[in-house]
Amino acid sequence: LADGTITEMQIVGPLEIRFQDRTTIANAKVLTGGLEVLLGATPIEEMDLIIDPVTEQLIVNPETLLRG
């Protein structure tokens, strides 16, 4: 884990992840008692998404839209 803790967890999938007009396939790691869903860097990169630091929202990379 991010804090250096080593733990066993279940891996489930494949999962289809969709955001706007983007889709990717990934597996998920399930932590016991976990209530929060986190989207990792790999699916974000595969869908060419970015986090807008001003609005703090996940968006489609505007440079990709311009290349259309």
Protein backbone atom coordinates (compact mmCIF):
# COMPACT_ATOMS: atom_id res chain seq x y z
CA LEU A 1 0.00 0.00 0.00
CA ALA A 2 1.04 3.65 -0.24
CA ASP A 3 2.14 3.66 3.40
CA GLY A 4 4.42 0.66 2.87
CA THR A 5 2.05 -1.86 4.43
CA ILE A 6 2.06 -5.28 2.79
CA THR A 7 -1.32 -7.02 2.68
CA GLU A 8 -3.13 -9.74 0.79
CA MET A 9 -6.10 -8.71 -1.29
CA GLN A 10 -8.51 -10.20 -3.76
CA ILE A 11 -8.15 -9.31 -7.44
CA VAL A 12 -11.35 -9.20 -9.49
CA GLY A 13 -11.97 -8.57 -13.13
CA PRO A 14 -11.74 -7.94 -15.89
CA LEU A 15 -13.78 -4.78 -15.39
CA GLU A 16 -14.89 -2.42 -18.13
CA ILE A 17 -14.26 1.18 -17.08
CA ARG A 18 -16.08 3.90 -19.01
CA PHE A 19 -15.72 7.68 -18.86
CA GLN A 20 -17.47 9.89 -21.39
CA ASP A 21 -16.49 8.42 -24.80
CA ARG A 22 -13.51 6.42 -23.45
CA THR A 23 -13.35 2.76 -22.38
CA THR A 24 -10.65 0.49 -20.97
CA ILE A 25 -10.41 -2.92 -19.33
CA ALA A 26 -8.67 -3.43 -15.96
CA ASN A 27 -8.58 -5.62 -12.89
CA ALA A 28 -9.44 -4.29 -9.42
CA LYS A 29 -7.80 -4.97 -6.06
CA VAL A 30 -10.32 -5.32 -3.24
CA LEU A 31 -9.30 -4.32 0.28
CA THR A 32 -11.24 -5.78 3.19
CA GLY A 33 -13.56 -3.14 4.63
CA GLY A 34 -12.75 -0.72 1.84
CA LEU A 35 -15.55 1.73 1.18
CA GLU A 36 -13.79 4.00 -1.29
CA VAL A 37 -13.25 3.38 -5.00
CA LEU A 38 -9.96 4.65 -6.43
CA LEU A 39 -9.10 4.85 -10.11
CA GLY A 40 -5.43 4.13 -10.71
CA ALA A 41 -2.99 5.87 -13.00
CA THR A 42 -2.91 3.09 -15.61
CA PRO A 43 -6.62 3.25 -16.60
CA ILE A 44 -6.46 7.06 -16.54
CA GLU A 45 -3.49 7.00 -18.92
CA GLU A 46 -5.02 4.31 -21.17
CA MET A 47 -8.15 6.44 -21.64
CA ASP A 48 -6.02 9.60 -22.15
CA LEU A 49 -7.67 11.42 -19.26
CA ILE A 50 -6.18 14.13 -17.08
CA ILE A 51 -7.02 15.72 -13.77
CA ASP A 52 -7.77 19.41 -14.26
CA PRO A 53 -5.97 21.12 -11.35
CA VAL A 54 -8.23 24.20 -11.49
CA THR A 55 -11.59 22.41 -11.30
CA GLU A 56 -10.20 19.27 -9.60
CA GLN A 57 -12.15 17.13 -12.10
CA LEU A 58 -11.24 14.20 -14.32
CA ILE A 59 -11.51 15.26 -17.99
CA VAL A 60 -10.65 13.96 -21.44
CA ASN A 61 -7.27 15.31 -22.52
CA PRO A 62 -8.12 18.48 -24.52
CA GLU A 63 -5.09 17.94 -26.79
CA THR A 64 -6.60 14.61 -27.89
CA LEU A 65 -9.87 16.37 -28.71
CA LEU A 66 -8.02 18.90 -30.88
CA ARG A 67 -6.31 16.11 -32.87
CA GLY A 68 -9.71 14.39 -33.27
